[in-house]
Amino acid sequence: GPRNSSSMSSIRIEQNVCVDSGGGWSHQQRPDPSGRHICMFQNTAEVSNISILNNVFYQQVPYQAAWWMEDDWGEGDRAHTGWGTSVREDANVWFQTNPALGMLIVLGGFPQPDVPPGTSYSAANFSAYRTRTGNGAHSLLVDPLLRGLVNASNGTQQLSNNTDMRPSEGSPVIGRGRPTIWTEDFDGRPSNPLHPDIGAYGFQPVA
């Protein structure tokens, strides 16, 4: 059938820290829990220039994936045009403290008439994702070592509005981002224009 003539462009998901998606009390009451940092359903618009850049995606509840996209990288069905080839994903940190918590990326969420079932990518087959999409060349599969999450692997972190999401000394996010339009971090501190720190905050030495 004919495709929708509407369009979307220049959507930026950049310089964020996303932690424990789906772990909140309200989400636990859903009949269909779906812990995802990014969820992209069917789309009928013409899409261009979507940027997923310089973010920290730090585990989600054990369901599906950190990034779930209902499109098998550009192979849209007759109902929608597909997201895939419009997305640039790079210089993100994808991390799970335990592989049982879910996949990092799923492309092709629900099977459609012309779209096969979703393909799942974990740290173990991330190279296949890079080959499939051409993205993620500078993305990292490491603990970001943010100050408020340094004890996360043993389950002792307590997230709150005051949890410190700034990089610790020696964090792998320092200077590993890619150039973007943003010139300062969430604290208002200037960012390195060529190699910003990944996440919402730049590194600040502890006084």
C-alpha atoms as a PDB file:
ATOM      1  CA  GLY A   1       0.000   0.000   0.000  1.00  0.00           C
ATOM      2  CA  PRO A   2       1.041   3.687  -0.204  1.00  0.00           C
ATOM      3  CA  ARG A   3       3.358   5.003   2.468  1.00  0.00           C
ATOM      4  CA  ASN A   4       2.642   7.949   4.700  1.00  0.00           C
ATOM      5  CA  SER A   5       3.918  11.241   3.284  1.00  0.00           C
ATOM      6  CA  SER A   6       4.864  12.643   6.715  1.00  0.00           C
ATOM      7  CA  SER A   7       8.502  12.893   7.744  1.00  0.00           C
ATOM      8  CA  MET A   8      10.745  13.110  10.799  1.00  0.00           C
ATOM      9  CA  SER A   9      14.304  14.368  10.845  1.00  0.00           C
ATOM     10  CA  SER A  10      17.142  15.430  13.137  1.00  0.00           C
ATOM     11  CA  ILE A  11      16.175  13.422  16.225  1.00  0.00           C
ATOM     12  CA  ARG A  12      19.020  13.389  18.756  1.00  0.00           C
ATOM     13  CA  ILE A  13      19.454  11.017  21.693  1.00  0.00           C
ATOM     14  CA  GLU A  14      22.829  12.264  22.876  1.00  0.00           C
ATOM     15  CA  GLN A  15      24.903  12.766  26.029  1.00  0.00           C
ATOM     16  CA  ASN A  16      22.576  10.933  28.451  1.00  0.00           C
ATOM     17  CA  VAL A  17      23.002   8.442  31.291  1.00  0.00           C
ATOM     18  CA  CYS A  18      20.243   5.791  31.377  1.00  0.00           C
ATOM     19  CA  VAL A  19      20.287   3.335  34.282  1.00  0.00           C
ATOM     20  CA  ASP A  20      18.069   0.374  35.275  1.00  0.00           C
ATOM     21  CA  SER A  21      15.303   1.000  32.760  1.00  0.00           C
ATOM     22  CA  GLY A  22      12.116  -0.772  33.812  1.00  0.00           C
ATOM     23  CA  GLY A  23      13.170  -1.019  37.439  1.00  0.00           C
ATOM     24  CA  GLY A  24      10.809   1.606  38.853  1.00  0.00           C
ATOM     25  CA  TRP A  25       7.823   0.799  41.069  1.00  0.00           C
ATOM     26  CA  SER A  26       5.266   1.924  38.487  1.00  0.00           C
ATOM     27  CA  HIS A  27       6.784  -0.217  35.775  1.00  0.00           C
ATOM     28  CA  GLN A  28       6.507  -3.308  37.941  1.00  0.00           C
ATOM     29  CA  GLN A  29       2.709  -2.952  37.872  1.00  0.00           C
ATOM     30  CA  ARG A  30       2.506  -3.262  34.090  1.00  0.00           C
ATOM     31  CA  PRO A  31       0.992  -6.503  32.740  1.00  0.00           C
ATOM     32  CA  ASP A  32       3.603  -6.368  29.961  1.00  0.00           C
ATOM     33  CA  PRO A  33       6.887  -5.183  31.543  1.00  0.00           C
ATOM     34  CA  SER A  34       9.340  -4.068  28.910  1.00  0.00           C
ATOM     35  CA  GLY A  35      12.492  -2.559  30.321  1.00  0.00           C
ATOM     36  CA  ARG A  36      14.124  -0.692  27.451  1.00  0.00           C
ATOM     37  CA  HIS A  37      16.223   2.451  27.332  1.00  0.00           C
ATOM     38  CA  ILE A  38      15.171   3.108  23.723  1.00  0.00           C
ATOM     39  CA  CYS A  39      12.027   1.673  22.131  1.00  0.00           C
ATOM     40  CA  MET A  40      11.234   2.309  18.461  1.00  0.00           C
ATOM     41  CA  PHE A  41       7.888   0.912  17.289  1.00  0.00           C
ATOM     42  CA  GLN A  42       6.528   0.740  13.749  1.00  0.00           C
ATOM     43  CA  ASN A  43       6.859   3.967  11.874  1.00  0.00           C
ATOM     44  CA  THR A  44       5.048   5.154   8.753  1.00  0.00           C
ATOM     45  CA  ALA A  45       6.940   8.424   8.274  1.00  0.00           C
ATOM     46  CA  GLU A  46       9.958   9.052   6.102  1.00  0.00           C
ATOM     47  CA  VAL A  47      12.815   9.277   8.597  1.00  0.00           C
ATOM     48  CA  SER A  48      16.280  10.764   8.375  1.00  0.00           C
ATOM     49  CA  ASN A  49      19.165  11.818  10.586  1.00  0.00           C
ATOM     50  CA  ILE A  50      18.534  10.038  13.887  1.00  0.00           C
ATOM     51  CA  SER A  51      21.533  10.206  16.199  1.00  0.00           C
ATOM     52  CA  ILE A  52      22.117   7.909  19.195  1.00  0.00           C
ATOM     53  CA  LEU A  53      25.478   9.219  20.328  1.00  0.00           C
ATOM     54  CA  ASN A  54      27.661   9.516  23.435  1.00  0.00           C
ATOM     55  CA  ASN A  55      25.196   7.905  25.879  1.00  0.00           C
ATOM     56  CA  VAL A  56      25.636   5.501  28.780  1.00  0.00           C
ATOM     57  CA  PHE A  57      23.041   2.685  28.684  1.00  0.00           C
ATOM     58  CA  TYR A  58      23.539   0.826  31.944  1.00  0.00           C
ATOM     59  CA  GLN A  59      21.427  -2.333  32.276  1.00  0.00           C
ATOM     60  CA  GLN A  60      17.668  -2.776  32.316  1.00  0.00           C
ATOM     61  CA  VAL A  61      15.268  -5.226  33.916  1.00  0.00           C
ATOM     62  CA  PRO A  62      15.558  -8.773  32.492  1.00  0.00           C
ATOM     63  CA  TYR A  63      13.344  -8.194  29.480  1.00  0.00           C
ATOM     64  CA  GLN A  64      14.296  -7.807  25.833  1.00  0.00           C
ATOM     65  CA  ALA A  65      16.981  -5.212  25.243  1.00  0.00           C
ATOM     66  CA  ALA A  66      18.513  -1.844  26.032  1.00  0.00           C
ATOM     67  CA  TRP A  67      17.630  -0.700  22.502  1.00  0.00           C
ATOM     68  CA  TRP A  68      14.601  -2.384  20.890  1.00  0.00           C
ATOM     69  CA  MET A  69      13.682  -1.419  17.349  1.00  0.00           C
ATOM     70  CA  GLU A  70      10.770  -2.886  15.397  1.00  0.00           C
ATOM     71  CA  ASP A  71      12.643  -2.918  12.104  1.00  0.00           C
ATOM     72  CA  ASP A  72      15.330  -5.233  10.803  1.00  0.00           C
ATOM     73  CA  TRP A  73      17.679  -2.435   9.817  1.00  0.00           C
ATOM     74  CA  GLY A  74      15.887  -0.887   6.905  1.00  0.00           C
ATOM     75  CA  GLU A  75      13.873  -3.904   5.794  1.00  0.00           C
ATOM     76  CA  GLY A  76      10.497  -2.325   6.509  1.00  0.00           C
ATOM     77  CA  ASP A  77       7.288  -4.098   5.568  1.00  0.00           C
ATOM     78  CA  ARG A  78       4.410  -2.703   3.533  1.00  0.00           C
ATOM     79  CA  ALA A  79       2.997  -0.909   6.590  1.00  0.00           C
ATOM     80  CA  HIS A  80       6.031   1.198   7.427  1.00  0.00           C
ATOM     81  CA  THR A  81       9.187   2.541   5.880  1.00  0.00           C
ATOM     82  CA  GLY A  82      11.591   1.314   8.497  1.00  0.00           C
ATOM     83  CA  TRP A  83      13.937   3.111  10.889  1.00  0.00           C
ATOM     84  CA  GLY A  84      17.200   1.323  10.388  1.00  0.00           C
ATOM     85  CA  THR A  85      19.227   3.075   7.775  1.00  0.00           C
ATOM     86  CA  SER A  86      18.312   6.495   9.201  1.00  0.00           C
ATOM     87  CA  VAL A  87      20.012   5.811  12.549  1.00  0.00           C
ATOM     88  CA  ARG A  88      23.567   6.650  13.479  1.00  0.00           C
ATOM     89  CA  GLU A  89      24.575   4.846  16.677  1.00  0.00           C
ATOM     90  CA  ASP A  90      28.100   5.437  17.934  1.00  0.00           C
ATOM     91  CA  ALA A  91      30.269   6.124  20.972  1.00  0.00           C
ATOM     92  CA  ASN A  92      27.701   4.725  23.400  1.00  0.00           C
ATOM     93  CA  VAL A  93      28.445   2.578  26.439  1.00  0.00           C
ATOM     94  CA  TRP A  94      26.308  -0.604  26.461  1.00  0.00           C
ATOM     95  CA  PHE A  95      26.693  -2.462  29.749  1.00  0.00           C
ATOM     96  CA  GLN A  96      24.935  -5.142  31.759  1.00  0.00           C
ATOM     97  CA  THR A  97      26.202  -6.247  35.150  1.00  0.00           C
ATOM     98  CA  ASN A  98      24.793  -9.694  34.334  1.00  0.00           C
ATOM     99  CA  PRO A  99      24.113 -11.121  30.833  1.00  0.00           C
ATOM    100  CA  ALA A 100      20.854 -12.629  32.151  1.00  0.00           C
ATOM    101  CA  LEU A 101      19.419  -9.095  32.389  1.00  0.00           C
ATOM    102  CA  GLY A 102      18.783  -9.068  28.646  1.00  0.00           C
ATOM    103  CA  MET A 103      20.267  -8.243  25.288  1.00  0.00           C
ATOM    104  CA  LEU A 104      21.987  -4.995  24.434  1.00  0.00           C
ATOM    105  CA  ILE A 105      20.262  -4.459  21.078  1.00  0.00           C
ATOM    106  CA  VAL A 106      17.338  -6.131  19.275  1.00  0.00           C
ATOM    107  CA  LEU A 107      16.572  -5.173  15.676  1.00  0.00           C
ATOM    108  CA  GLY A 108      13.313  -6.318  14.093  1.00  0.00           C
ATOM    109  CA  GLY A 109      11.259  -6.564  17.297  1.00  0.00           C
ATOM    110  CA  PHE A 110       8.008  -8.237  16.207  1.00  0.00           C
ATOM    111  CA  PRO A 111       7.850 -10.297  13.008  1.00  0.00           C
ATOM    112  CA  GLN A 112       5.991  -8.502  10.228  1.00  0.00           C
ATOM    113  CA  PRO A 113       4.818  -9.934   6.883  1.00  0.00           C
ATOM    114  CA  ASP A 114       8.102  -9.002   5.222  1.00  0.00           C
ATOM    115  CA  VAL A 115      10.335  -8.721   8.290  1.00  0.00           C
ATOM    116  CA  PRO A 116      11.938 -11.729  10.008  1.00  0.00           C
ATOM    117  CA  PRO A 117      11.939 -12.135  13.811  1.00  0.00           C
ATOM    118  CA  GLY A 118      14.228  -9.833  15.706  1.00  0.00           C
ATOM    119  CA  THR A 119      17.973 -10.375  15.763  1.00  0.00           C
ATOM    120  CA  SER A 120      19.522 -10.047  19.221  1.00  0.00           C
ATOM    121  CA  TYR A 121      22.956  -8.622  19.870  1.00  0.00           C
ATOM    122  CA  SER A 122      24.854  -9.013  23.122  1.00  0.00           C
ATOM    123  CA  ALA A 123      28.447  -8.262  24.007  1.00  0.00           C
ATOM    124  CA  ALA A 124      29.340 -11.692  22.635  1.00  0.00           C
ATOM    125  CA  ASN A 125      28.154 -10.941  19.082  1.00  0.00           C
ATOM    126  CA  PHE A 126      28.434  -7.150  18.981  1.00  0.00           C
ATOM    127  CA  SER A 127      30.834  -7.423  16.052  1.00  0.00           C
ATOM    128  CA  ALA A 128      27.971  -8.950  14.025  1.00  0.00           C
ATOM    129  CA  TYR A 129      25.856  -5.895  14.848  1.00  0.00           C
ATOM    130  CA  ARG A 130      28.631  -3.606  13.640  1.00  0.00           C
ATOM    131  CA  THR A 131      28.897  -5.563  10.396  1.00  0.00           C
ATOM    132  CA  ARG A 132      25.112  -5.593   9.870  1.00  0.00           C
ATOM    133  CA  THR A 133      24.567  -1.877  10.465  1.00  0.00           C
ATOM    134  CA  GLY A 134      27.895  -0.153   9.917  1.00  0.00           C
ATOM    135  CA  ASN A 135      27.368   1.534  13.290  1.00  0.00           C
ATOM    136  CA  GLY A 136      28.925   1.308  16.732  1.00  0.00           C
ATOM    137  CA  ALA A 137      32.564   1.550  15.675  1.00  0.00           C
ATOM    138  CA  HIS A 138      33.381   3.628  18.761  1.00  0.00           C
ATOM    139  CA  SER A 139      30.788   2.157  21.125  1.00  0.00           C
ATOM    140  CA  LEU A 140      32.083   0.485  24.296  1.00  0.00           C
ATOM    141  CA  LEU A 141      31.042  -2.675  26.120  1.00  0.00           C
ATOM    142  CA  VAL A 142      32.534  -1.778  29.482  1.00  0.00           C
ATOM    143  CA  ASP A 143      31.527  -0.666  32.962  1.00  0.00           C
ATOM    144  CA  PRO A 144      31.442   3.151  32.675  1.00  0.00           C
ATOM    145  CA  LEU A 145      32.685   3.501  36.268  1.00  0.00           C
ATOM    146  CA  LEU A 146      30.352   6.324  37.206  1.00  0.00           C
ATOM    147  CA  ARG A 147      30.709   7.435  40.819  1.00  0.00           C
ATOM    148  CA  GLY A 148      27.215   6.421  41.908  1.00  0.00           C
ATOM    149  CA  LEU A 149      27.419   3.010  40.211  1.00  0.00           C
ATOM    150  CA  VAL A 150      30.795   1.720  41.296  1.00  0.00           C
ATOM    151  CA  ASN A 151      29.153  -0.910  43.545  1.00  0.00           C
ATOM    152  CA  ALA A 152      26.487  -1.917  41.033  1.00  0.00           C
ATOM    153  CA  SER A 153      28.001  -5.304  40.209  1.00  0.00           C
ATOM    154  CA  ASN A 154      27.386  -6.534  43.758  1.00  0.00           C
ATOM    155  CA  GLY A 155      23.903  -5.026  43.925  1.00  0.00           C
ATOM    156  CA  THR A 156      24.624  -2.421  46.585  1.00  0.00           C
ATOM    157  CA  GLN A 157      23.945   0.763  44.640  1.00  0.00           C
ATOM    158  CA  GLN A 158      20.875   2.749  45.639  1.00  0.00           C
ATOM    159  CA  LEU A 159      19.674   5.019  42.860  1.00  0.00           C
ATOM    160  CA  SER A 160      18.057   8.313  43.776  1.00  0.00           C
ATOM    161  CA  ASN A 161      17.765  11.810  42.371  1.00  0.00           C
ATOM    162  CA  ASN A 162      21.103  12.497  44.059  1.00  0.00           C
ATOM    163  CA  THR A 163      22.990   9.536  42.590  1.00  0.00           C
ATOM    164  CA  ASP A 164      26.243  10.878  41.173  1.00  0.00           C
ATOM    165  CA  MET A 165      26.496   9.962  37.480  1.00  0.00           C
ATOM    166  CA  ARG A 166      29.844  11.684  36.947  1.00  0.00           C
ATOM    167  CA  PRO A 167      32.805   9.619  35.753  1.00  0.00           C
ATOM    168  CA  SER A 168      35.241   8.287  38.326  1.00  0.00           C
ATOM    169  CA  GLU A 169      38.991   8.668  37.977  1.00  0.00           C
ATOM    170  CA  GLY A 170      40.095   6.336  35.184  1.00  0.00           C
ATOM    171  CA  SER A 171      36.600   5.866  33.745  1.00  0.00           C
ATOM    172  CA  PRO A 172      36.630   4.553  30.153  1.00  0.00           C
ATOM    173  CA  VAL A 173      34.096   7.218  29.127  1.00  0.00           C
ATOM    174  CA  ILE A 174      36.621  10.049  29.570  1.00  0.00           C
ATOM    175  CA  GLY A 175      37.513  11.523  26.198  1.00  0.00           C
ATOM    176  CA  ARG A 176      35.864   8.674  24.269  1.00  0.00           C
ATOM    177  CA  GLY A 177      32.860  10.493  22.801  1.00  0.00           C
ATOM    178  CA  ARG A 178      32.435  11.671  19.229  1.00  0.00           C
ATOM    179  CA  PRO A 179      31.886  15.275  18.076  1.00  0.00           C
ATOM    180  CA  THR A 180      28.352  16.580  18.556  1.00  0.00           C
ATOM    181  CA  ILE A 181      26.464  19.874  18.559  1.00  0.00           C
ATOM    182  CA  TRP A 182      26.554  20.106  22.382  1.00  0.00           C
ATOM    183  CA  THR A 183      29.305  22.344  23.731  1.00  0.00           C
ATOM    184  CA  GLU A 184      28.902  21.772  27.484  1.00  0.00           C
ATOM    185  CA  ASP A 185      27.885  19.040  29.900  1.00  0.00           C
ATOM    186  CA  PHE A 186      24.869  18.924  32.226  1.00  0.00           C
ATOM    187  CA  ASP A 187      26.792  20.947  34.816  1.00  0.00           C
ATOM    188  CA  GLY A 188      27.430  23.670  32.242  1.00  0.00           C
ATOM    189  CA  ARG A 189      31.135  22.854  31.990  1.00  0.00           C
ATOM    190  CA  PRO A 190      32.688  23.182  28.497  1.00  0.00           C
ATOM    191  CA  SER A 191      33.136  19.887  26.635  1.00  0.00           C
ATOM    192  CA  ASN A 192      36.057  18.896  24.468  1.00  0.00           C
ATOM    193  CA  PRO A 193      34.674  19.530  20.961  1.00  0.00           C
ATOM    194  CA  LEU A 194      36.564  16.630  19.365  1.00  0.00           C
ATOM    195  CA  HIS A 195      36.588  14.097  22.205  1.00  0.00           C
ATOM    196  CA  PRO A 196      33.844  14.836  24.755  1.00  0.00           C
ATOM    197  CA  ASP A 197      33.300  12.521  27.689  1.00  0.00           C
ATOM    198  CA  ILE A 198      30.489  10.019  27.140  1.00  0.00           C
ATOM    199  CA  GLY A 199      27.377  10.642  29.237  1.00  0.00           C
ATOM    200  CA  ALA A 200      25.654  13.650  30.741  1.00  0.00           C
ATOM    201  CA  TYR A 201      28.621  14.804  32.836  1.00  0.00           C
ATOM    202  CA  GLY A 202      32.248  15.422  32.069  1.00  0.00           C
ATOM    203  CA  PHE A 203      34.979  14.183  34.390  1.00  0.00           C
ATOM    204  CA  GLN A 204      35.705  16.430  37.371  1.00  0.00           C
ATOM    205  CA  PRO A 205      38.557  15.561  39.739  1.00  0.00           C
ATOM    206  CA  VAL A 206      37.400  15.126  43.321  1.00  0.00           C
ATOM    207  CA  ALA A 207      38.652  17.973  45.497  1.00  0.00           C
END
